[in-house]
């Protein structure tokens, strides 16, 4: 039997407990926190688009980092009741969503985040391919909505196209880095690709 790509049966680890104590909706917030501490994603930017935003912890973190100036927009397949009240959450499919609906009255975003992951099948190559498709779509959206100098963070399962996709990010941004946060589960093959200073 194929090994699962995640270990969702062991949700109650120290990061889960920490998130509960600190009022965050999910342990995933600490991945973004670690990425931000290392790469300064939120320095200066205040207009944030979060793709695959449920349950809302990345929007919570963005609001906390930016403060009252924060303009938050999320996209998910279903409503996200836990999102910060000031966030505008668009319900829709990332592959078919109209870019104008994401922008609303905004001319552009300063930061595009994507913690999207596919519904996993347990077949590694298939799940990697699905993750790559989601990552490519997130990058495509970022390329259409980011202001010059904006930043991008996208989750990607490490697979055959990982190097190529990193190079694609590097072509669009002044710098491209990848990292696996300490709060990612050890079994996970997820990486986060960070593009800084959109060209």
N, C-alpha and C. Protein backbone atom coordinates (compact mmCIF):
# COMPACT_ATOMS: atom_id res chain seq x y z
N UNK A 1 0.85 -1.20 0.00
CA UNK A 1 0.00 0.00 0.00
C UNK A 1 0.89 1.24 0.00
N UNK A 2 0.52 2.25 -0.80
CA UNK A 2 1.32 3.47 -0.90
C UNK A 2 1.28 4.23 0.42
N UNK A 3 2.42 4.83 0.75
CA UNK A 3 2.52 5.61 1.97
C UNK A 3 1.87 6.97 1.77
N UNK A 4 1.09 7.39 2.72
CA UNK A 4 0.44 8.69 2.63
C UNK A 4 1.49 9.80 2.66
N UNK A 5 1.17 10.90 1.97
CA UNK A 5 2.09 12.03 1.93
C UNK A 5 1.98 12.90 3.17
N UNK A 6 0.98 12.69 3.98
CA UNK A 6 0.87 13.47 5.20
C UNK A 6 0.54 12.53 6.35
N UNK A 7 0.49 13.08 7.54
CA UNK A 7 0.21 12.25 8.72
C UNK A 7 -0.88 12.93 9.52
N UNK A 8 -2.03 13.11 8.88
CA UNK A 8 -3.09 13.86 9.49
C UNK A 8 -3.69 13.18 10.72
N UNK A 9 -3.34 11.95 10.95
CA UNK A 9 -3.83 11.27 12.13
C UNK A 9 -3.17 11.77 13.40
N UNK A 10 -2.04 12.46 13.28
CA UNK A 10 -1.32 12.96 14.46
C UNK A 10 -1.38 14.48 14.49
N UNK A 11 -2.59 15.01 14.59
CA UNK A 11 -2.78 16.46 14.52
C UNK A 11 -2.39 17.16 15.82
N UNK A 12 -2.44 16.48 16.93
CA UNK A 12 -2.31 17.17 18.21
C UNK A 12 -0.85 17.23 18.67
N UNK A 13 0.02 17.75 17.82
CA UNK A 13 1.42 17.92 18.20
C UNK A 13 1.60 19.28 18.89
N UNK A 14 2.84 19.64 19.19
CA UNK A 14 3.09 20.86 19.96
C UNK A 14 2.68 22.11 19.19
N UNK A 15 2.77 22.09 17.86
CA UNK A 15 2.37 23.27 17.09
C UNK A 15 0.85 23.43 17.08
N UNK A 16 0.15 22.31 17.06
CA UNK A 16 -1.32 22.35 17.15
C UNK A 16 -1.72 22.95 18.49
N UNK A 17 -1.08 22.48 19.56
CA UNK A 17 -1.41 22.98 20.90
C UNK A 17 -1.05 24.45 21.05
N UNK A 18 0.08 24.85 20.47
CA UNK A 18 0.52 26.25 20.53
C UNK A 18 -0.49 27.15 19.80
N UNK A 19 -0.95 26.72 18.62
CA UNK A 19 -1.92 27.50 17.87
C UNK A 19 -3.21 27.68 18.67
N UNK A 20 -3.63 26.64 19.34
CA UNK A 20 -4.84 26.69 20.16
C UNK A 20 -4.67 27.71 21.28
N UNK A 21 -3.51 27.66 21.94
CA UNK A 21 -3.23 28.59 23.05
C UNK A 21 -3.19 30.04 22.57
N UNK A 22 -2.62 30.27 21.40
CA UNK A 22 -2.39 31.63 20.92
C UNK A 22 -3.53 32.17 20.06
N UNK A 23 -4.59 31.39 19.90
CA UNK A 23 -5.77 31.88 19.21
C UNK A 23 -5.71 31.81 17.69
N UNK A 24 -4.80 31.00 17.16
CA UNK A 24 -4.74 30.83 15.71
C UNK A 24 -5.57 29.62 15.31
N UNK A 25 -6.09 29.67 14.10
CA UNK A 25 -7.03 28.65 13.63
C UNK A 25 -6.37 27.35 13.21
N UNK A 26 -5.06 27.38 12.93
CA UNK A 26 -4.37 26.16 12.49
C UNK A 26 -2.88 26.27 12.76
N UNK A 27 -2.25 25.11 12.91
CA UNK A 27 -0.81 25.05 13.15
C UNK A 27 -0.01 25.58 11.97
N UNK A 28 -0.60 25.64 10.79
CA UNK A 28 0.09 26.12 9.58
C UNK A 28 0.58 27.55 9.73
N UNK A 29 0.01 28.28 10.69
CA UNK A 29 0.44 29.67 10.90
C UNK A 29 1.94 29.75 11.21
N UNK A 30 2.47 28.72 11.86
CA UNK A 30 3.88 28.77 12.26
C UNK A 30 4.82 28.54 11.07
N UNK A 31 4.31 27.92 10.03
CA UNK A 31 5.09 27.81 8.79
C UNK A 31 5.29 29.21 8.19
N UNK A 32 4.18 29.95 8.11
CA UNK A 32 4.26 31.30 7.56
C UNK A 32 5.10 32.21 8.46
N UNK A 33 4.95 32.06 9.75
CA UNK A 33 5.74 32.87 10.69
C UNK A 33 7.24 32.63 10.48
N UNK A 34 7.62 31.37 10.33
CA UNK A 34 9.03 31.04 10.13
C UNK A 34 9.55 31.57 8.80
N UNK A 35 8.73 31.45 7.74
CA UNK A 35 9.10 31.98 6.43
C UNK A 35 9.27 33.50 6.51
N UNK A 36 8.34 34.15 7.20
CA UNK A 36 8.38 35.61 7.32
C UNK A 36 9.59 36.07 8.13
N UNK A 37 9.89 35.36 9.19
CA UNK A 37 11.05 35.74 10.02
C UNK A 37 12.35 35.65 9.23
N UNK A 38 12.42 34.67 8.35
CA UNK A 38 13.65 34.47 7.56
C UNK A 38 13.70 35.37 6.33
N UNK A 39 12.55 35.59 5.68
CA UNK A 39 12.55 36.27 4.37
C UNK A 39 11.83 37.62 4.35
N UNK A 40 11.31 38.07 5.52
CA UNK A 40 10.71 39.41 5.63
C UNK A 40 9.63 39.65 4.57
N UNK A 41 8.67 38.76 4.51
CA UNK A 41 7.60 38.83 3.51
C UNK A 41 6.71 40.05 3.71
N UNK A 42 6.46 40.41 4.96
CA UNK A 42 5.48 41.46 5.24
C UNK A 42 6.09 42.84 5.44
N UNK A 43 7.36 43.01 5.17
CA UNK A 43 7.99 44.32 5.31
C UNK A 43 7.44 45.29 4.27
N UNK A 44 6.65 46.23 4.70
CA UNK A 44 6.17 47.28 3.80
C UNK A 44 4.87 46.99 3.09
N UNK A 45 4.58 45.76 2.77
CA UNK A 45 3.37 45.43 2.02
C UNK A 45 2.14 45.39 2.92
N UNK A 46 0.99 45.80 2.38
CA UNK A 46 -0.23 45.74 3.21
C UNK A 46 -1.43 45.12 2.49
N UNK A 47 -1.31 44.89 1.17
CA UNK A 47 -2.42 44.27 0.42
C UNK A 47 -2.06 42.81 0.17
N UNK A 48 -2.83 41.90 0.78
CA UNK A 48 -2.47 40.48 0.81
C UNK A 48 -3.56 39.63 0.16
N UNK A 49 -3.15 38.75 -0.74
CA UNK A 49 -4.05 37.74 -1.32
C UNK A 49 -3.59 36.37 -0.84
N UNK A 50 -4.50 35.63 -0.22
CA UNK A 50 -4.20 34.29 0.31
C UNK A 50 -5.04 33.27 -0.45
N UNK A 51 -4.37 32.46 -1.28
CA UNK A 51 -5.04 31.45 -2.10
C UNK A 51 -5.15 30.15 -1.32
N UNK A 52 -6.36 29.60 -1.25
CA UNK A 52 -6.58 28.41 -0.43
C UNK A 52 -6.50 28.79 1.03
N UNK A 53 -7.28 29.80 1.42
CA UNK A 53 -7.07 30.47 2.72
C UNK A 53 -7.66 29.75 3.92
N UNK A 54 -8.52 28.76 3.72
CA UNK A 54 -9.13 28.06 4.87
C UNK A 54 -8.05 27.32 5.68
N UNK A 55 -8.19 27.29 6.99
CA UNK A 55 -9.26 27.83 7.81
C UNK A 55 -9.09 29.30 8.19
N UNK A 56 -7.99 29.93 7.76
CA UNK A 56 -7.84 31.37 7.98
C UNK A 56 -6.64 31.81 8.80
N UNK A 57 -5.80 30.86 9.19
CA UNK A 57 -4.68 31.23 10.08
C UNK A 57 -3.64 32.12 9.39
N UNK A 58 -3.44 31.94 8.06
CA UNK A 58 -2.46 32.80 7.37
C UNK A 58 -3.00 34.22 7.27
N UNK A 59 -4.31 34.38 7.08
CA UNK A 59 -4.91 35.72 7.09
C UNK A 59 -4.79 36.34 8.48
N UNK A 60 -4.98 35.53 9.50
CA UNK A 60 -4.80 36.02 10.88
C UNK A 60 -3.37 36.54 11.08
N UNK A 61 -2.42 35.79 10.63
CA UNK A 61 -1.01 36.18 10.80
C UNK A 61 -0.72 37.46 10.02
N UNK A 62 -1.22 37.54 8.79
CA UNK A 62 -1.00 38.74 7.97
C UNK A 62 -1.57 39.97 8.66
N UNK A 63 -2.77 39.83 9.20
CA UNK A 63 -3.39 40.95 9.90
C UNK A 63 -2.56 41.36 11.11
N UNK A 64 -2.07 40.38 11.84
CA UNK A 64 -1.26 40.66 13.03
C UNK A 64 0.03 41.40 12.65
N UNK A 65 0.66 40.99 11.55
CA UNK A 65 1.93 41.59 11.14
C UNK A 65 1.75 42.99 10.58
N UNK A 66 0.67 43.20 9.82
CA UNK A 66 0.50 44.47 9.12
C UNK A 66 -0.24 45.50 9.97
N UNK A 67 -1.20 45.04 10.74
CA UNK A 67 -1.97 45.95 11.57
C UNK A 67 -3.14 46.57 10.84
N UNK A 68 -3.50 47.78 11.25
CA UNK A 68 -4.73 48.42 10.76
C UNK A 68 -4.72 48.69 9.27
N UNK A 69 -3.54 48.80 8.67
CA UNK A 69 -3.46 49.08 7.22
C UNK A 69 -3.79 47.85 6.38
N UNK A 70 -3.87 46.69 6.99
CA UNK A 70 -4.01 45.45 6.24
C UNK A 70 -5.26 45.42 5.37
N UNK A 71 -5.07 45.06 4.10
CA UNK A 71 -6.16 44.79 3.18
C UNK A 71 -6.03 43.32 2.81
N UNK A 72 -6.99 42.52 3.25
CA UNK A 72 -6.87 41.07 3.17
C UNK A 72 -7.94 40.49 2.26
N UNK A 73 -7.50 39.67 1.31
CA UNK A 73 -8.42 38.97 0.43
C UNK A 73 -8.03 37.49 0.43
N UNK A 74 -9.00 36.62 0.60
CA UNK A 74 -8.75 35.18 0.57
C UNK A 74 -9.58 34.52 -0.50
N UNK A 75 -9.11 33.39 -0.97
CA UNK A 75 -9.88 32.56 -1.92
C UNK A 75 -9.91 31.15 -1.39
N UNK A 76 -11.10 30.54 -1.39
CA UNK A 76 -11.20 29.14 -1.05
C UNK A 76 -12.44 28.55 -1.70
N UNK A 77 -12.51 27.24 -1.70
CA UNK A 77 -13.63 26.56 -2.35
C UNK A 77 -14.92 26.69 -1.57
N UNK A 78 -14.80 26.98 -0.28
CA UNK A 78 -15.97 27.14 0.58
C UNK A 78 -15.79 28.38 1.44
N UNK A 79 -16.87 28.81 2.07
CA UNK A 79 -16.80 29.96 2.98
C UNK A 79 -15.82 29.66 4.11
N UNK A 80 -15.20 30.72 4.63
CA UNK A 80 -14.19 30.57 5.69
C UNK A 80 -14.65 31.41 6.89
N UNK A 81 -15.52 30.83 7.74
CA UNK A 81 -16.10 31.60 8.85
C UNK A 81 -15.06 32.09 9.86
N UNK A 82 -13.91 31.43 9.93
CA UNK A 82 -12.90 31.84 10.90
C UNK A 82 -11.97 32.94 10.43
N UNK A 83 -12.12 33.38 9.18
CA UNK A 83 -11.25 34.43 8.66
C UNK A 83 -11.46 35.73 9.43
N UNK A 84 -10.43 36.57 9.51
CA UNK A 84 -10.59 37.86 10.20
C UNK A 84 -11.76 38.65 9.60
N UNK A 85 -12.53 39.36 10.42
CA UNK A 85 -13.70 40.10 9.93
C UNK A 85 -13.38 41.07 8.80
N UNK A 86 -12.18 41.64 8.81
CA UNK A 86 -11.85 42.62 7.76
C UNK A 86 -11.47 41.96 6.44
N UNK A 87 -11.28 40.64 6.45
CA UNK A 87 -10.89 39.95 5.21
C UNK A 87 -12.09 39.77 4.29
N UNK A 88 -11.87 39.96 3.00
CA UNK A 88 -12.88 39.65 1.99
C UNK A 88 -12.54 38.28 1.41
N UNK A 89 -13.41 37.30 1.68
CA UNK A 89 -13.14 35.94 1.21
C UNK A 89 -14.00 35.65 -0.01
N UNK A 90 -13.34 35.31 -1.10
CA UNK A 90 -14.02 34.96 -2.34
C UNK A 90 -14.16 33.44 -2.39
N UNK A 91 -15.36 32.95 -2.63
CA UNK A 91 -15.59 31.51 -2.75
C UNK A 91 -15.52 31.14 -4.22
N UNK A 92 -14.60 30.23 -4.55
CA UNK A 92 -14.46 29.82 -5.94
C UNK A 92 -13.32 28.85 -6.12
N UNK A 93 -13.16 28.39 -7.35
CA UNK A 93 -12.12 27.44 -7.72
C UNK A 93 -10.91 28.22 -8.24
N UNK A 94 -9.76 27.92 -7.71
CA UNK A 94 -8.55 28.66 -8.09
C UNK A 94 -8.27 28.55 -9.59
N UNK A 95 -8.67 27.45 -10.21
CA UNK A 95 -8.37 27.24 -11.63
C UNK A 95 -9.29 28.04 -12.55
N UNK A 96 -10.45 28.44 -12.06
CA UNK A 96 -11.41 29.12 -12.93
C UNK A 96 -11.77 30.53 -12.45
N UNK A 97 -11.26 30.94 -11.31
CA UNK A 97 -11.62 32.23 -10.74
C UNK A 97 -11.22 33.39 -11.67
N UNK A 98 -12.08 34.39 -11.75
CA UNK A 98 -11.80 35.60 -12.52
C UNK A 98 -10.86 36.49 -11.71
N UNK A 99 -9.75 36.88 -12.29
CA UNK A 99 -8.77 37.71 -11.60
C UNK A 99 -9.41 39.01 -11.10
N UNK A 100 -10.35 39.55 -11.87
CA UNK A 100 -11.02 40.80 -11.48
C UNK A 100 -11.78 40.62 -10.17
N UNK A 101 -12.31 39.42 -9.96
CA UNK A 101 -13.05 39.16 -8.72
C UNK A 101 -12.11 39.17 -7.53
N UNK A 102 -10.89 38.69 -7.71
CA UNK A 102 -9.91 38.72 -6.63
C UNK A 102 -9.46 40.15 -6.33
N UNK A 103 -9.22 40.91 -7.37
CA UNK A 103 -8.74 42.29 -7.18
C UNK A 103 -9.82 43.19 -6.59
N UNK A 104 -11.08 43.00 -6.99
CA UNK A 104 -12.13 43.91 -6.53
C UNK A 104 -11.79 45.33 -6.95
N UNK A 105 -11.72 46.24 -5.98
CA UNK A 105 -11.38 47.63 -6.25
C UNK A 105 -9.88 47.90 -6.19
N UNK A 106 -9.10 46.88 -5.90
CA UNK A 106 -7.65 47.08 -5.76
C UNK A 106 -6.96 47.08 -7.13
N UNK A 107 -5.91 47.90 -7.29
CA UNK A 107 -5.15 47.84 -8.53
C UNK A 107 -4.21 46.64 -8.58
N UNK A 108 -3.76 46.19 -7.40
CA UNK A 108 -2.79 45.09 -7.32
C UNK A 108 -2.64 44.66 -5.86
N UNK A 109 -1.85 43.60 -5.65
CA UNK A 109 -1.50 43.14 -4.31
C UNK A 109 0.00 43.30 -4.09
N UNK A 110 0.38 43.40 -2.82
CA UNK A 110 1.80 43.45 -2.45
C UNK A 110 2.35 42.06 -2.14
N UNK A 111 1.47 41.18 -1.70
CA UNK A 111 1.87 39.85 -1.25
C UNK A 111 0.84 38.83 -1.73
N UNK A 112 1.29 37.75 -2.34
CA UNK A 112 0.41 36.63 -2.69
C UNK A 112 0.92 35.39 -1.98
N UNK A 113 0.04 34.75 -1.23
CA UNK A 113 0.36 33.55 -0.47
C UNK A 113 -0.44 32.37 -0.99
N UNK A 114 0.17 31.20 -0.99
CA UNK A 114 -0.57 29.99 -1.35
C UNK A 114 -0.08 28.82 -0.50
N UNK A 115 -0.98 28.35 0.35
CA UNK A 115 -0.70 27.13 1.13
C UNK A 115 -1.56 25.99 0.58
N UNK A 116 -1.93 26.11 -0.70
CA UNK A 116 -2.82 25.10 -1.31
C UNK A 116 -2.12 23.76 -1.44
N UNK A 117 -2.87 22.72 -1.16
CA UNK A 117 -2.39 21.36 -1.35
C UNK A 117 -3.51 20.55 -1.98
N UNK A 118 -3.18 19.58 -2.82
CA UNK A 118 -4.23 18.78 -3.44
C UNK A 118 -4.86 17.81 -2.45
N UNK A 119 -6.04 17.33 -2.79
CA UNK A 119 -6.60 16.20 -2.05
C UNK A 119 -5.71 15.02 -2.36
N UNK A 120 -5.01 14.52 -1.36
CA UNK A 120 -4.00 13.50 -1.62
C UNK A 120 -4.61 12.13 -1.87
N UNK A 121 -3.96 11.40 -2.79
CA UNK A 121 -4.42 10.06 -3.17
C UNK A 121 -3.60 8.97 -2.50
N UNK A 122 -2.41 9.35 -2.00
CA UNK A 122 -1.48 8.35 -1.48
C UNK A 122 -0.51 7.86 -2.54
N UNK A 123 -0.76 8.24 -3.81
CA UNK A 123 0.17 7.90 -4.89
C UNK A 123 1.08 9.09 -5.09
N UNK A 124 2.32 8.94 -4.70
CA UNK A 124 3.24 10.08 -4.61
C UNK A 124 3.34 10.87 -5.91
N UNK A 125 3.56 10.18 -7.02
CA UNK A 125 3.76 10.89 -8.29
C UNK A 125 2.51 11.68 -8.69
N UNK A 126 1.34 11.11 -8.43
CA UNK A 126 0.09 11.79 -8.76
C UNK A 126 -0.10 13.02 -7.88
N UNK A 127 0.18 12.87 -6.59
CA UNK A 127 0.01 13.99 -5.67
C UNK A 127 1.02 15.10 -5.97
N UNK A 128 2.23 14.72 -6.36
CA UNK A 128 3.22 15.73 -6.75
C UNK A 128 2.75 16.50 -7.97
N UNK A 129 2.23 15.81 -8.96
CA UNK A 129 1.75 16.46 -10.18
C UNK A 129 0.59 17.41 -9.88
N UNK A 130 -0.31 17.00 -8.99
CA UNK A 130 -1.44 17.87 -8.62
C UNK A 130 -0.93 19.10 -7.87
N UNK A 131 0.04 18.90 -6.99
CA UNK A 131 0.62 20.02 -6.26
C UNK A 131 1.30 20.99 -7.21
N UNK A 132 2.00 20.45 -8.19
CA UNK A 132 2.69 21.30 -9.18
C UNK A 132 1.68 22.14 -9.96
N UNK A 133 0.54 21.55 -10.30
CA UNK A 133 -0.49 22.28 -11.05
C UNK A 133 -1.06 23.42 -10.20
N UNK A 134 -1.28 23.17 -8.92
CA UNK A 134 -1.76 24.21 -8.02
C UNK A 134 -0.73 25.32 -7.87
N UNK A 135 0.52 24.93 -7.72
CA UNK A 135 1.60 25.92 -7.56
C UNK A 135 1.71 26.79 -8.82
N UNK A 136 1.66 26.15 -9.99
CA UNK A 136 1.75 26.90 -11.25
C UNK A 136 0.60 27.89 -11.37
N UNK A 137 -0.60 27.48 -10.96
CA UNK A 137 -1.74 28.39 -11.02
C UNK A 137 -1.57 29.54 -10.04
N UNK A 138 -1.08 29.24 -8.84
CA UNK A 138 -0.84 30.32 -7.86
C UNK A 138 0.18 31.31 -8.40
N UNK A 139 1.23 30.81 -9.03
CA UNK A 139 2.25 31.68 -9.59
C UNK A 139 1.69 32.49 -10.76
N UNK A 140 0.83 31.87 -11.55
CA UNK A 140 0.19 32.57 -12.66
C UNK A 140 -0.67 33.73 -12.14
N UNK A 141 -1.45 33.46 -11.09
CA UNK A 141 -2.27 34.52 -10.50
C UNK A 141 -1.38 35.62 -9.93
N UNK A 142 -0.33 35.22 -9.21
CA UNK A 142 0.60 36.20 -8.64
C UNK A 142 1.18 37.09 -9.73
N UNK A 143 1.52 36.51 -10.86
CA UNK A 143 2.10 37.27 -11.97
C UNK A 143 1.13 38.30 -12.54
N UNK A 144 -0.17 38.03 -12.38
CA UNK A 144 -1.18 38.95 -12.91
C UNK A 144 -1.59 40.04 -11.91
N UNK A 145 -1.41 39.77 -10.62
CA UNK A 145 -1.95 40.71 -9.63
C UNK A 145 -0.91 41.42 -8.77
N UNK A 146 0.33 40.96 -8.77
CA UNK A 146 1.35 41.57 -7.91
C UNK A 146 1.81 42.92 -8.44
N UNK A 147 1.99 43.85 -7.53
CA UNK A 147 2.63 45.12 -7.86
C UNK A 147 4.13 44.89 -8.01
N UNK A 148 4.82 45.72 -8.80
CA UNK A 148 6.28 45.60 -8.87
C UNK A 148 6.89 45.66 -7.47
N UNK A 149 7.83 44.76 -7.19
CA UNK A 149 8.44 44.69 -5.88
C UNK A 149 7.69 43.80 -4.90
N UNK A 150 6.55 43.22 -5.34
CA UNK A 150 5.75 42.38 -4.46
C UNK A 150 6.39 41.02 -4.21
N UNK A 151 5.83 40.29 -3.23
CA UNK A 151 6.40 39.01 -2.81
C UNK A 151 5.39 37.87 -2.98
N UNK A 152 5.92 36.66 -3.14
CA UNK A 152 5.11 35.47 -3.36
C UNK A 152 5.63 34.33 -2.48
N UNK A 153 4.71 33.60 -1.86
CA UNK A 153 5.04 32.38 -1.11
C UNK A 153 4.09 31.29 -1.57
N UNK A 154 4.63 30.17 -2.06
CA UNK A 154 3.78 29.08 -2.53
C UNK A 154 4.26 27.72 -2.07
N UNK A 155 3.30 26.89 -1.65
CA UNK A 155 3.64 25.52 -1.24
C UNK A 155 3.75 24.62 -2.46
N UNK A 156 4.71 23.71 -2.42
CA UNK A 156 4.95 22.80 -3.54
C UNK A 156 5.49 21.48 -3.01
N UNK A 157 4.86 20.38 -3.38
CA UNK A 157 5.40 19.06 -3.03
C UNK A 157 6.64 18.84 -3.89
N UNK A 158 7.72 18.45 -3.25
CA UNK A 158 8.98 18.28 -3.99
C UNK A 158 8.88 17.08 -4.92
N UNK A 159 9.02 17.34 -6.22
CA UNK A 159 8.91 16.28 -7.21
C UNK A 159 9.74 16.58 -8.43
N UNK A 160 9.38 15.97 -9.55
CA UNK A 160 10.19 16.03 -10.76
C UNK A 160 10.32 17.45 -11.31
N UNK A 161 9.30 18.27 -11.14
CA UNK A 161 9.30 19.63 -11.70
C UNK A 161 9.79 20.68 -10.72
N UNK A 162 10.27 20.26 -9.56
CA UNK A 162 10.61 21.23 -8.51
C UNK A 162 11.68 22.23 -8.97
N UNK A 163 12.74 21.75 -9.56
CA UNK A 163 13.83 22.63 -10.01
C UNK A 163 13.33 23.59 -11.09
N UNK A 164 12.58 23.06 -12.04
CA UNK A 164 12.07 23.88 -13.14
C UNK A 164 11.15 24.98 -12.62
N UNK A 165 10.28 24.65 -11.66
CA UNK A 165 9.36 25.64 -11.12
C UNK A 165 10.10 26.70 -10.31
N UNK A 166 11.15 26.29 -9.62
CA UNK A 166 12.00 27.26 -8.91
C UNK A 166 12.61 28.24 -9.89
N UNK A 167 13.05 27.73 -11.02
CA UNK A 167 13.66 28.59 -12.05
C UNK A 167 12.63 29.55 -12.64
N UNK A 168 11.38 29.09 -12.76
CA UNK A 168 10.31 29.96 -13.25
C UNK A 168 10.09 31.12 -12.28
N UNK A 169 10.11 30.81 -10.98
CA UNK A 169 9.98 31.87 -9.97
C UNK A 169 11.16 32.84 -10.07
N UNK A 170 12.34 32.30 -10.22
CA UNK A 170 13.54 33.13 -10.31
C UNK A 170 13.49 34.08 -11.50
N UNK A 171 12.86 33.66 -12.59
CA UNK A 171 12.75 34.51 -13.78
C UNK A 171 11.79 35.68 -13.56
N UNK A 172 10.84 35.52 -12.63
CA UNK A 172 9.83 36.55 -12.40
C UNK A 172 10.16 37.47 -11.22
N UNK A 173 11.05 37.03 -10.36
CA UNK A 173 11.37 37.78 -9.14
C UNK A 173 12.87 38.03 -9.05
N UNK A 174 13.25 39.03 -8.28
CA UNK A 174 14.67 39.34 -8.11
C UNK A 174 15.39 38.20 -7.40
N UNK A 175 14.68 37.50 -6.51
CA UNK A 175 15.28 36.35 -5.84
C UNK A 175 14.25 35.26 -5.63
N UNK A 176 14.72 34.03 -5.59
CA UNK A 176 13.85 32.88 -5.33
C UNK A 176 14.57 31.92 -4.40
N UNK A 177 13.90 31.57 -3.31
CA UNK A 177 14.46 30.64 -2.33
C UNK A 177 13.42 29.59 -2.01
N UNK A 178 13.86 28.47 -1.48
CA UNK A 178 12.92 27.46 -1.01
C UNK A 178 13.32 27.02 0.39
N UNK A 179 12.34 26.61 1.17
CA UNK A 179 12.63 26.13 2.52
C UNK A 179 11.51 25.22 3.00
N UNK A 180 11.86 24.36 3.93
CA UNK A 180 10.88 23.53 4.61
C UNK A 180 10.87 23.98 6.07
N UNK A 181 9.82 24.65 6.52
CA UNK A 181 9.79 25.13 7.89
C UNK A 181 9.87 24.00 8.91
N UNK A 182 10.39 24.32 10.07
CA UNK A 182 10.52 23.33 11.14
C UNK A 182 9.16 22.81 11.58
N UNK A 183 8.12 23.64 11.41
CA UNK A 183 6.78 23.21 11.83
C UNK A 183 6.09 22.33 10.80
N UNK A 184 6.68 22.15 9.63
CA UNK A 184 6.16 21.14 8.69
C UNK A 184 6.35 19.77 9.31
N UNK A 185 5.41 18.89 9.08
CA UNK A 185 5.56 17.54 9.63
C UNK A 185 6.73 16.84 8.95
N UNK A 186 7.45 16.08 9.73
CA UNK A 186 8.68 15.45 9.24
C UNK A 186 8.43 14.57 8.02
N UNK A 187 7.28 13.91 7.99
CA UNK A 187 6.97 12.99 6.89
C UNK A 187 6.64 13.74 5.59
N UNK A 188 6.29 15.01 5.72
CA UNK A 188 5.80 15.77 4.57
C UNK A 188 6.91 16.06 3.56
N UNK A 189 6.55 16.03 2.26
CA UNK A 189 7.49 16.39 1.20
C UNK A 189 7.25 17.82 0.72
N UNK A 190 6.51 18.60 1.52
CA UNK A 190 6.22 19.96 1.12
C UNK A 190 7.45 20.85 1.27
N UNK A 191 7.55 21.80 0.35
CA UNK A 191 8.52 22.87 0.42
C UNK A 191 7.76 24.16 0.16
N UNK A 192 8.32 25.26 0.59
CA UNK A 192 7.74 26.56 0.28
C UNK A 192 8.73 27.33 -0.58
N UNK A 193 8.24 27.84 -1.70
CA UNK A 193 9.08 28.62 -2.61
C UNK A 193 8.74 30.09 -2.40
N UNK A 194 9.76 30.89 -2.17
CA UNK A 194 9.58 32.30 -1.86
C UNK A 194 10.18 33.15 -2.96
N UNK A 195 9.35 33.94 -3.62
CA UNK A 195 9.82 34.89 -4.63
C UNK A 195 9.73 36.29 -4.06
N UNK A 196 10.85 37.02 -4.08
CA UNK A 196 10.86 38.38 -3.53
C UNK A 196 11.14 39.40 -4.62
N UNK A 197 10.45 40.52 -4.54
CA UNK A 197 10.65 41.65 -5.45
C UNK A 197 10.27 41.29 -6.88
N UNK A 198 8.97 41.23 -7.10
CA UNK A 198 8.42 40.93 -8.42
C UNK A 198 8.92 41.94 -9.44
N UNK A 199 9.36 41.43 -10.59
CA UNK A 199 9.93 42.30 -11.60
C UNK A 199 8.86 43.02 -12.42
